[in-house]
């Protein structure tokens, strides 16, 4: 595995891990009636690449599952991110940088 691929994989693992931890922590804070993690922060980490695992964490922890903004928004963000990755990949294949 190239250094670039290892960096990209490490980045997405770290962002996904932070997204899951933030979701779990927000659920814990909600149960304890403590100050919550803002929705803006949760969406920011989703946009940075943690959308899939943040969505899965919300399903597992039963957190924000009644909020349409999250239950629709996170899958939309994820699909957009997948589309961007596919377009970049196709561009790299077309230019010959990546050979299939």
PDB file of N, CA and C in Angstrom:
ATOM      1  N   UNK A   1       0.857  -1.182   0.000  1.00  0.00           N
ATOM      2  CA  UNK A   1       0.000   0.000   0.000  1.00  0.00           C
ATOM      3  C   UNK A   1       0.899   1.240   0.000  1.00  0.00           C
ATOM      4  N   UNK A   2       0.560   2.168  -0.858  1.00  0.00           N
ATOM      5  CA  UNK A   2       1.373   3.377  -0.958  1.00  0.00           C
ATOM      6  C   UNK A   2       1.190   4.255   0.275  1.00  0.00           C
ATOM      7  N   UNK A   3       2.122   5.157   0.467  1.00  0.00           N
ATOM      8  CA  UNK A   3       2.060   6.074   1.608  1.00  0.00           C
ATOM      9  C   UNK A   3       0.825   6.965   1.510  1.00  0.00           C
ATOM     10  N   UNK A   4       0.480   7.384   0.303  1.00  0.00           N
ATOM     11  CA  UNK A   4      -0.695   8.233   0.102  1.00  0.00           C
ATOM     12  C   UNK A   4      -1.979   7.487   0.461  1.00  0.00           C
ATOM     13  N   UNK A   5      -2.096   6.245   0.017  1.00  0.00           N
ATOM     14  CA  UNK A   5      -3.276   5.441   0.326  1.00  0.00           C
ATOM     15  C   UNK A   5      -3.366   5.167   1.825  1.00  0.00           C
ATOM     16  N   UNK A   6      -2.222   4.915   2.454  1.00  0.00           N
ATOM     17  CA  UNK A   6      -2.200   4.683   3.894  1.00  0.00           C
ATOM     18  C   UNK A   6      -2.626   5.933   4.653  1.00  0.00           C
ATOM     19  N   UNK A   7      -2.203   7.098   4.180  1.00  0.00           N
ATOM     20  CA  UNK A   7      -2.601   8.363   4.806  1.00  0.00           C
ATOM     21  C   UNK A   7      -4.106   8.579   4.685  1.00  0.00           C
ATOM     22  N   UNK A   8      -4.653   8.347   3.496  1.00  0.00           N
ATOM     23  CA  UNK A   8      -6.087   8.541   3.265  1.00  0.00           C
ATOM     24  C   UNK A   8      -6.896   7.568   4.127  1.00  0.00           C
ATOM     25  N   UNK A   9      -6.467   6.322   4.181  1.00  0.00           N
ATOM     26  CA  UNK A   9      -7.156   5.334   5.007  1.00  0.00           C
ATOM     27  C   UNK A   9      -7.089   5.729   6.487  1.00  0.00           C
ATOM     28  N   UNK A  10      -5.923   6.157   6.949  1.00  0.00           N
ATOM     29  CA  UNK A  10      -5.761   6.591   8.344  1.00  0.00           C
ATOM     30  C   UNK A  10      -6.646   7.790   8.650  1.00  0.00           C
ATOM     31  N   UNK A  11      -6.726   8.720   7.708  1.00  0.00           N
ATOM     32  CA  UNK A  11      -7.561   9.903   7.884  1.00  0.00           C
ATOM     33  C   UNK A  11      -9.022   9.503   8.108  1.00  0.00           C
ATOM     34  N   UNK A  12      -9.543   8.639   7.232  1.00  0.00           N
ATOM     35  CA  UNK A  12     -10.947   8.256   7.346  1.00  0.00           C
ATOM     36  C   UNK A  12     -11.218   7.407   8.591  1.00  0.00           C
ATOM     37  N   UNK A  13     -10.268   6.604   8.999  1.00  0.00           N
ATOM     38  CA  UNK A  13     -10.430   5.846  10.239  1.00  0.00           C
ATOM     39  C   UNK A  13     -10.500   6.800  11.424  1.00  0.00           C
ATOM     40  N   UNK A  14      -9.610   7.783  11.477  1.00  0.00           N
ATOM     41  CA  UNK A  14      -9.597   8.743  12.588  1.00  0.00           C
ATOM     42  C   UNK A  14     -10.866   9.592  12.620  1.00  0.00           C
ATOM     43  N   UNK A  15     -11.275  10.111  11.470  1.00  0.00           N
ATOM     44  CA  UNK A  15     -12.484  10.941  11.410  1.00  0.00           C
ATOM     45  C   UNK A  15     -13.714  10.121  11.800  1.00  0.00           C
ATOM     46  N   UNK A  16     -13.786   8.896  11.325  1.00  0.00           N
ATOM     47  CA  UNK A  16     -14.918   8.032  11.667  1.00  0.00           C
ATOM     48  C   UNK A  16     -14.926   7.718  13.155  1.00  0.00           C
ATOM     49  N   UNK A  17     -13.766   7.466  13.716  1.00  0.00           N
ATOM     50  CA  UNK A  17     -13.674   7.182  15.148  1.00  0.00           C
ATOM     51  C   UNK A  17     -14.123   8.381  15.975  1.00  0.00           C
ATOM     52  N   UNK A  18     -13.675   9.572  15.596  1.00  0.00           N
ATOM     53  CA  UNK A  18     -14.097  10.780  16.304  1.00  0.00           C
ATOM     54  C   UNK A  18     -15.610  10.959  16.189  1.00  0.00           C
ATOM     55  N   UNK A  19     -16.173  10.714  15.019  1.00  0.00           N
ATOM     56  CA  UNK A  19     -17.621  10.843  14.818  1.00  0.00           C
ATOM     57  C   UNK A  19     -18.399   9.906  15.733  1.00  0.00           C
ATOM     58  N   UNK A  20     -17.937   8.678  15.847  1.00  0.00           N
ATOM     59  CA  UNK A  20     -18.610   7.697  16.710  1.00  0.00           C
ATOM     60  C   UNK A  20     -18.482   8.104  18.175  1.00  0.00           C
ATOM     61  N   UNK A  21     -17.295   8.519  18.582  1.00  0.00           N
ATOM     62  CA  UNK A  21     -17.081   8.924  19.976  1.00  0.00           C
ATOM     63  C   UNK A  21     -17.947  10.137  20.317  1.00  0.00           C
ATOM     64  N   UNK A  22     -18.026  11.113  19.420  1.00  0.00           N
ATOM     65  CA  UNK A  22     -18.855  12.293  19.670  1.00  0.00           C
ATOM     66  C   UNK A  22     -20.330  11.918  19.790  1.00  0.00           C
ATOM     67  N   UNK A  23     -20.785  11.012  18.938  1.00  0.00           N
ATOM     68  CA  UNK A  23     -22.178  10.576  18.990  1.00  0.00           C
ATOM     69  C   UNK A  23     -22.472   9.859  20.307  1.00  0.00           C
ATOM     70  N   UNK A  24     -21.585   8.962  20.699  1.00  0.00           N
ATOM     71  CA  UNK A  24     -21.768   8.238  21.960  1.00  0.00           C
ATOM     72  C   UNK A  24     -21.722   9.199  23.149  1.00  0.00           C
ATOM     73  N   UNK A  25     -20.796  10.156  23.096  1.00  0.00           N
ATOM     74  CA  UNK A  25     -20.679  11.121  24.194  1.00  0.00           C
ATOM     75  C   UNK A  25     -21.913  12.021  24.273  1.00  0.00           C
ATOM     76  N   UNK A  26     -22.450  12.424  23.131  1.00  0.00           N
ATOM     77  CA  UNK A  26     -23.650  13.251  23.135  1.00  0.00           C
ATOM     78  C   UNK A  26     -24.828  12.476  23.719  1.00  0.00           C
ATOM     79  N   UNK A  27     -24.927  11.192  23.402  1.00  0.00           N
ATOM     80  CA  UNK A  27     -25.995  10.359  23.971  1.00  0.00           C
ATOM     81  C   UNK A  27     -25.839  10.270  25.491  1.00  0.00           C
ATOM     82  N   UNK A  28     -24.607  10.073  25.947  1.00  0.00           N
ATOM     83  CA  UNK A  28     -24.351   9.992  27.386  1.00  0.00           C
ATOM     84  C   UNK A  28     -24.703  11.301  28.070  1.00  0.00           C
ATOM     85  N   UNK A  29     -24.307  12.405  27.463  1.00  0.00           N
ATOM     86  CA  UNK A  29     -24.630  13.722  28.027  1.00  0.00           C
ATOM     87  C   UNK A  29     -26.136  13.962  28.063  1.00  0.00           C
ATOM     88  N   UNK A  30     -26.835  13.503  27.047  1.00  0.00           N
ATOM     89  CA  UNK A  30     -28.296  13.675  27.010  1.00  0.00           C
ATOM     90  C   UNK A  30     -28.952  12.931  28.170  1.00  0.00           C
ATOM     91  N   UNK A  31     -28.475  11.736  28.436  1.00  0.00           N
ATOM     92  CA  UNK A  31     -29.036  10.955  29.545  1.00  0.00           C
ATOM     93  C   UNK A  31     -28.762  11.615  30.902  1.00  0.00           C
ATOM     94  N   UNK A  32     -27.627  12.315  31.010  1.00  0.00           N
ATOM     95  CA  UNK A  32     -27.229  12.935  32.282  1.00  0.00           C
ATOM     96  C   UNK A  32     -27.688  14.389  32.391  1.00  0.00           C
ATOM     97  N   UNK A  33     -28.466  14.847  31.415  1.00  0.00           N
ATOM     98  CA  UNK A  33     -28.920  16.252  31.384  1.00  0.00           C
ATOM     99  C   UNK A  33     -27.766  17.240  31.484  1.00  0.00           C
ATOM    100  N   UNK A  34     -26.689  16.931  30.783  1.00  0.00           N
ATOM    101  CA  UNK A  34     -25.525  17.811  30.738  1.00  0.00           C
ATOM    102  C   UNK A  34     -25.499  18.565  29.417  1.00  0.00           C
ATOM    103  N   UNK A  35     -24.598  19.536  29.339  1.00  0.00           N
ATOM    104  CA  UNK A  35     -24.461  20.304  28.101  1.00  0.00           C
ATOM    105  C   UNK A  35     -24.099  19.369  26.950  1.00  0.00           C
ATOM    106  N   UNK A  36     -24.796  19.555  25.821  1.00  0.00           N
ATOM    107  CA  UNK A  36     -24.698  18.641  24.687  1.00  0.00           C
ATOM    108  C   UNK A  36     -23.674  19.105  23.671  1.00  0.00           C
ATOM    109  N   UNK A  37     -23.294  18.185  22.819  1.00  0.00           N
ATOM    110  CA  UNK A  37     -22.445  18.493  21.667  1.00  0.00           C
ATOM    111  C   UNK A  37     -23.361  19.078  20.601  1.00  0.00           C
ATOM    112  N   UNK A  38     -22.957  20.175  20.012  1.00  0.00           N
ATOM    113  CA  UNK A  38     -23.839  20.858  19.072  1.00  0.00           C
ATOM    114  C   UNK A  38     -24.051  20.035  17.798  1.00  0.00           C
ATOM    115  N   UNK A  39     -25.227  20.237  17.208  1.00  0.00           N
ATOM    116  CA  UNK A  39     -25.522  19.564  15.945  1.00  0.00           C
ATOM    117  C   UNK A  39     -24.547  20.013  14.872  1.00  0.00           C
ATOM    118  N   UNK A  40     -24.132  21.246  14.941  1.00  0.00           N
ATOM    119  CA  UNK A  40     -23.156  21.774  13.978  1.00  0.00           C
ATOM    120  C   UNK A  40     -21.856  20.970  14.033  1.00  0.00           C
ATOM    121  N   UNK A  41     -21.415  20.640  15.245  1.00  0.00           N
ATOM    122  CA  UNK A  41     -20.195  19.854  15.408  1.00  0.00           C
ATOM    123  C   UNK A  41     -20.377  18.448  14.844  1.00  0.00           C
ATOM    124  N   UNK A  42     -21.505  17.828  15.140  1.00  0.00           N
ATOM    125  CA  UNK A  42     -21.768  16.484  14.624  1.00  0.00           C
ATOM    126  C   UNK A  42     -21.807  16.478  13.095  1.00  0.00           C
ATOM    127  N   UNK A  43     -22.466  17.472  12.521  1.00  0.00           N
ATOM    128  CA  UNK A  43     -22.508  17.552  11.053  1.00  0.00           C
ATOM    129  C   UNK A  43     -21.133  17.879  10.470  1.00  0.00           C
ATOM    130  N   UNK A  44     -20.348  18.676  11.159  1.00  0.00           N
ATOM    131  CA  UNK A  44     -19.004  19.015  10.668  1.00  0.00           C
ATOM    132  C   UNK A  44     -18.155  17.753  10.536  1.00  0.00           C
ATOM    133  N   UNK A  45     -18.199  16.896  11.546  1.00  0.00           N
ATOM    134  CA  UNK A  45     -17.418  15.664  11.479  1.00  0.00           C
ATOM    135  C   UNK A  45     -17.960  14.725  10.408  1.00  0.00           C
ATOM    136  N   UNK A  46     -19.268  14.757  10.186  1.00  0.00           N
ATOM    137  CA  UNK A  46     -19.843  13.959   9.103  1.00  0.00           C
ATOM    138  C   UNK A  46     -19.317  14.460   7.751  1.00  0.00           C
ATOM    139  N   UNK A  47     -19.290  15.769   7.590  1.00  0.00           N
ATOM    140  CA  UNK A  47     -18.801  16.352   6.335  1.00  0.00           C
ATOM    141  C   UNK A  47     -17.311  16.089   6.110  1.00  0.00           C
ATOM    142  N   UNK A  48     -16.567  15.968   7.197  1.00  0.00           N
ATOM    143  CA  UNK A  48     -15.136  15.685   7.088  1.00  0.00           C
ATOM    144  C   UNK A  48     -14.860  14.240   6.669  1.00  0.00           C
ATOM    145  N   UNK A  49     -15.907  13.396   6.680  1.00  0.00           N
ATOM    146  CA  UNK A  49     -15.738  12.027   6.220  1.00  0.00           C
ATOM    147  C   UNK A  49     -16.279  10.970   7.155  1.00  0.00           C
ATOM    148  N   UNK A  50     -16.868  11.378   8.260  1.00  0.00           N
ATOM    149  CA  UNK A  50     -17.374  10.402   9.215  1.00  0.00           C
ATOM    150  C   UNK A  50     -18.855  10.114   9.104  1.00  0.00           C
ATOM    151  N   UNK A  51     -19.462  10.482   7.981  1.00  0.00           N
ATOM    152  CA  UNK A  51     -20.929  10.379   7.850  1.00  0.00           C
ATOM    153  C   UNK A  51     -21.449   8.953   8.006  1.00  0.00           C
ATOM    154  N   UNK A  52     -20.812   7.996   7.387  1.00  0.00           N
ATOM    155  CA  UNK A  52     -21.306   6.619   7.448  1.00  0.00           C
ATOM    156  C   UNK A  52     -21.279   6.095   8.880  1.00  0.00           C
ATOM    157  N   UNK A  53     -20.149   6.224   9.545  1.00  0.00           N
ATOM    158  CA  UNK A  53     -20.036   5.661  10.884  1.00  0.00           C
ATOM    159  C   UNK A  53     -20.794   6.481  11.918  1.00  0.00           C
ATOM    160  N   UNK A  54     -20.964   7.768  11.672  1.00  0.00           N
ATOM    161  CA  UNK A  54     -21.804   8.566  12.564  1.00  0.00           C
ATOM    162  C   UNK A  54     -23.255   8.118  12.442  1.00  0.00           C
ATOM    163  N   UNK A  55     -23.701   7.863  11.238  1.00  0.00           N
ATOM    164  CA  UNK A  55     -25.066   7.363  11.018  1.00  0.00           C
ATOM    165  C   UNK A  55     -25.257   6.002  11.694  1.00  0.00           C
ATOM    166  N   UNK A  56     -24.289   5.116  11.499  1.00  0.00           N
ATOM    167  CA  UNK A  56     -24.383   3.794  12.120  1.00  0.00           C
ATOM    168  C   UNK A  56     -24.378   3.896  13.643  1.00  0.00           C
ATOM    169  N   UNK A  57     -23.567   4.796  14.180  1.00  0.00           N
ATOM    170  CA  UNK A  57     -23.529   4.990  15.635  1.00  0.00           C
ATOM    171  C   UNK A  57     -24.868   5.511  16.140  1.00  0.00           C
ATOM    172  N   UNK A  58     -25.485   6.406  15.407  1.00  0.00           N
ATOM    173  CA  UNK A  58     -26.787   6.921  15.816  1.00  0.00           C
ATOM    174  C   UNK A  58     -27.824   5.803  15.832  1.00  0.00           C
ATOM    175  N   UNK A  59     -27.739   4.893  14.901  1.00  0.00           N
ATOM    176  CA  UNK A  59     -28.665   3.755  14.884  1.00  0.00           C
ATOM    177  C   UNK A  59     -28.378   2.814  16.065  1.00  0.00           C
ATOM    178  N   UNK A  60     -27.113   2.544  16.317  1.00  0.00           N
ATOM    179  CA  UNK A  60     -26.744   1.624  17.393  1.00  0.00           C
ATOM    180  C   UNK A  60     -27.109   2.203  18.758  1.00  0.00           C
ATOM    181  N   UNK A  61     -26.802   3.488  18.974  1.00  0.00           N
ATOM    182  CA  UNK A  61     -27.054   4.125  20.268  1.00  0.00           C
ATOM    183  C   UNK A  61     -28.480   4.668  20.392  1.00  0.00           C
ATOM    184  N   UNK A  62     -29.274   4.532  19.326  1.00  0.00           N
ATOM    185  CA  UNK A  62     -30.643   5.076  19.305  1.00  0.00           C
ATOM    186  C   UNK A  62     -30.625   6.551  19.682  1.00  0.00           C
ATOM    187  N   UNK A  63     -29.751   7.271  19.007  1.00  0.00           N
ATOM    188  CA  UNK A  63     -29.561   8.686  19.312  1.00  0.00           C
ATOM    189  C   UNK A  63     -29.884   9.531  18.087  1.00  0.00           C
ATOM    190  N   UNK A  64     -30.764  10.494  18.262  1.00  0.00           N
ATOM    191  CA  UNK A  64     -31.190  11.407  17.206  1.00  0.00           C
ATOM    192  C   UNK A  64     -31.895  10.685  16.055  1.00  0.00           C
ATOM    193  N   UNK A  65     -32.418   9.511  16.319  1.00  0.00           N
ATOM    194  CA  UNK A  65     -33.092   8.756  15.265  1.00  0.00           C
ATOM    195  C   UNK A  65     -34.449   9.338  14.907  1.00  0.00           C
ATOM    196  N   UNK A  66     -34.974  10.215  15.734  1.00  0.00           N
ATOM    197  CA  UNK A  66     -36.237  10.879  15.419  1.00  0.00           C
ATOM    198  C   UNK A  66     -36.025  12.233  14.742  1.00  0.00           C
ATOM    199  N   UNK A  67     -34.771  12.634  14.598  1.00  0.00           N
ATOM    200  CA  UNK A  67     -34.450  13.908  13.947  1.00  0.00           C
ATOM    201  C   UNK A  67     -34.250  13.665  12.455  1.00  0.00           C
ATOM    202  N   UNK A  68     -35.195  14.110  11.641  1.00  0.00           N
ATOM    203  CA  UNK A  68     -35.098  13.905  10.194  1.00  0.00           C
ATOM    204  C   UNK A  68     -33.838  14.534   9.625  1.00  0.00           C
ATOM    205  N   UNK A  69     -33.425  15.627  10.229  1.00  0.00           N
ATOM    206  CA  UNK A  69     -32.223  16.316   9.761  1.00  0.00           C
ATOM    207  C   UNK A  69     -31.021  15.363   9.755  1.00  0.00           C
ATOM    208  N   UNK A  70     -30.941  14.500  10.753  1.00  0.00           N
ATOM    209  CA  UNK A  70     -29.838  13.553  10.829  1.00  0.00           C
ATOM    210  C   UNK A  70     -30.115  12.275  10.047  1.00  0.00           C
ATOM    211  N   UNK A  71     -31.308  11.760  10.156  1.00  0.00           N
ATOM    212  CA  UNK A  71     -31.614  10.479   9.530  1.00  0.00           C
ATOM    213  C   UNK A  71     -31.691  10.579   8.005  1.00  0.00           C
ATOM    214  N   UNK A  72     -31.926  11.756   7.492  1.00  0.00           N
ATOM    215  CA  UNK A  72     -31.890  11.976   6.043  1.00  0.00           C
ATOM    216  C   UNK A  72     -30.575  12.639   5.650  1.00  0.00           C
ATOM    217  N   UNK A  73     -30.149  13.594   6.450  1.00  0.00           N
ATOM    218  CA  UNK A  73     -28.957  14.375   6.127  1.00  0.00           C
ATOM    219  C   UNK A  73     -27.679  13.562   6.062  1.00  0.00           C
ATOM    220  N   UNK A  74     -27.467  12.668   7.025  1.00  0.00           N
ATOM    221  CA  UNK A  74     -26.229  11.890   7.029  1.00  0.00           C
ATOM    222  C   UNK A  74     -26.136  10.938   5.833  1.00  0.00           C
ATOM    223  N   UNK A  75     -27.202  10.215   5.479  1.00  0.00           N
ATOM    224  CA  UNK A  75     -27.102   9.404   4.261  1.00  0.00           C
ATOM    225  C   UNK A  75     -26.885  10.244   2.993  1.00  0.00           C
ATOM    226  N   UNK A  76     -27.494  11.420   2.929  1.00  0.00           N
ATOM    227  CA  UNK A  76     -27.288  12.293   1.769  1.00  0.00           C
ATOM    228  C   UNK A  76     -25.828  12.739   1.701  1.00  0.00           C
ATOM    229  N   UNK A  77     -25.270  13.120   2.841  1.00  0.00           N
ATOM    230  CA  UNK A  77     -23.851  13.504   2.878  1.00  0.00           C
ATOM    231  C   UNK A  77     -22.988  12.334   2.429  1.00  0.00           C
ATOM    232  N   UNK A  78     -23.287  11.141   2.936  1.00  0.00           N
ATOM    233  CA  UNK A  78     -22.508   9.954   2.569  1.00  0.00           C
ATOM    234  C   UNK A  78     -22.587   9.684   1.068  1.00  0.00           C
ATOM    235  N   UNK A  79     -23.787   9.736   0.496  1.00  0.00           N
ATOM    236  CA  UNK A  79     -23.936   9.499  -0.944  1.00  0.00           C
ATOM    237  C   UNK A  79     -23.189  10.541  -1.763  1.00  0.00           C
ATOM    238  N   UNK A  80     -23.227  11.793  -1.310  1.00  0.00           N
ATOM    239  CA  UNK A  80     -22.474  12.848  -1.986  1.00  0.00           C
ATOM    240  C   UNK A  80     -20.979  12.546  -1.925  1.00  0.00           C
ATOM    241  N   UNK A  81     -20.496  12.113  -0.766  1.00  0.00           N
ATOM    242  CA  UNK A  81     -19.075  11.801  -0.621  1.00  0.00           C
ATOM    243  C   UNK A  81     -18.675  10.633  -1.514  1.00  0.00           C
ATOM    244  N   UNK A  82     -19.528   9.625  -1.604  1.00  0.00           N
ATOM    245  CA  UNK A  82     -19.248   8.487  -2.480  1.00  0.00           C
ATOM    246  C   UNK A  82     -19.192   8.949  -3.936  1.00  0.00           C
ATOM    247  N   UNK A  83     -20.130   9.803  -4.324  1.00  0.00           N
ATOM    248  CA  UNK A  83     -20.141  10.319  -5.698  1.00  0.00           C
ATOM    249  C   UNK A  83     -18.867  11.092  -6.005  1.00  0.00           C
ATOM    250  N   UNK A  84     -18.409  11.898  -5.078  1.00  0.00           N
ATOM    251  CA  UNK A  84     -17.174  12.667  -5.273  1.00  0.00           C
ATOM    252  C   UNK A  84     -15.988  11.726  -5.430  1.00  0.00           C
ATOM    253  N   UNK A  85     -15.906  10.707  -4.583  1.00  0.00           N
ATOM    254  CA  UNK A  85     -14.796   9.751  -4.669  1.00  0.00           C
ATOM    255  C   UNK A  85     -14.833   9.012  -6.005  1.00  0.00           C
ATOM    256  N   UNK A  86     -16.011   8.593  -6.449  1.00  0.00           N
ATOM    257  CA  UNK A  86     -16.133   7.899  -7.731  1.00  0.00           C
ATOM    258  C   UNK A  86     -15.719   8.822  -8.874  1.00  0.00           C
ATOM    259  N   UNK A  87     -16.162  10.073  -8.841  1.00  0.00           N
ATOM    260  CA  UNK A  87     -15.782  11.013  -9.903  1.00  0.00           C
ATOM    261  C   UNK A  87     -14.280  11.261  -9.924  1.00  0.00           C
ATOM    262  N   UNK A  88     -13.681  11.408  -8.765  1.00  0.00           N
ATOM    263  CA  UNK A  88     -12.225  11.602  -8.706  1.00  0.00           C
ATOM    264  C   UNK A  88     -11.513  10.363  -9.229  1.00  0.00           C
ATOM    265  N   UNK A  89     -11.965   9.200  -8.813  1.00  0.00           N
ATOM    266  CA  UNK A  89     -11.363   7.950  -9.266  1.00  0.00           C
ATOM    267  C   UNK A  89     -11.462   7.818 -10.784  1.00  0.00           C
ATOM    268  N   UNK A  90     -12.661   8.096 -11.328  1.00  0.00           N
ATOM    269  CA  UNK A  90     -12.845   8.002 -12.778  1.00  0.00           C
ATOM    270  C   UNK A  90     -11.959   8.992 -13.521  1.00  0.00           C
ATOM    271  N   UNK A  91     -11.809  10.182 -12.959  1.00  0.00           N
ATOM    272  CA  UNK A  91     -10.922  11.183 -13.584  1.00  0.00           C
ATOM    273  C   UNK A  91      -9.466  10.696 -13.583  1.00  0.00           C
ATOM    274  N   UNK A  92      -9.052  10.074 -12.487  1.00  0.00           N
ATOM    275  CA  UNK A  92      -7.694   9.550 -12.410  1.00  0.00           C
ATOM    276  C   UNK A  92      -7.491   8.388 -13.370  1.00  0.00           C
ATOM    277  N   UNK A  93      -8.525   7.560 -13.573  1.00  0.00           N
ATOM    278  CA  UNK A  93      -8.433   6.460 -14.527  1.00  0.00           C
ATOM    279  C   UNK A  93      -8.371   7.028 -15.946  1.00  0.00           C
ATOM    280  N   UNK A  94      -9.203   8.016 -16.217  1.00  0.00           N
ATOM    281  CA  UNK A  94      -9.263   8.609 -17.564  1.00  0.00           C
ATOM    282  C   UNK A  94      -7.933   9.280 -17.934  1.00  0.00           C
ATOM    283  N   UNK A  95      -7.293   9.914 -16.977  1.00  0.00           N
ATOM    284  CA  UNK A  95      -6.031  10.588 -17.254  1.00  0.00           C
ATOM    285  C   UNK A  95      -4.845   9.635 -17.225  1.00  0.00           C
ATOM    286  N   UNK A  96      -5.076   8.372 -16.844  1.00  0.00           N
ATOM    287  CA  UNK A  96      -4.007   7.391 -16.845  1.00  0.00           C
ATOM    288  C   UNK A  96      -3.181   7.354 -15.580  1.00  0.00           C
ATOM    289  N   UNK A  97      -3.559   8.131 -14.581  1.00  0.00           N
ATOM    290  CA  UNK A  97      -2.819   8.120 -13.316  1.00  0.00           C
ATOM    291  C   UNK A  97      -3.036   6.797 -12.603  1.00  0.00           C
ATOM    292  N   UNK A  98      -4.258   6.280 -12.710  1.00  0.00           N
ATOM    293  CA  UNK A  98      -4.582   4.956 -12.153  1.00  0.00           C
ATOM    294  C   UNK A  98      -4.929   4.045 -13.322  1.00  0.00           C
ATOM    295  N   UNK A  99      -4.313   2.884 -13.362  1.00  0.00           N
ATOM    296  CA  UNK A  99      -4.577   1.914 -14.432  1.00  0.00           C
ATOM    297  C   UNK A  99      -5.367   0.766 -13.828  1.00  0.00           C
ATOM    298  N   UNK A 100      -6.498   0.461 -14.472  1.00  0.00           N
ATOM    299  CA  UNK A 100      -7.339  -0.650 -13.977  1.00  0.00           C
ATOM    300  C   UNK A 100      -6.828  -1.953 -14.540  1.00  0.00           C
TER     301      UNK A 100
END
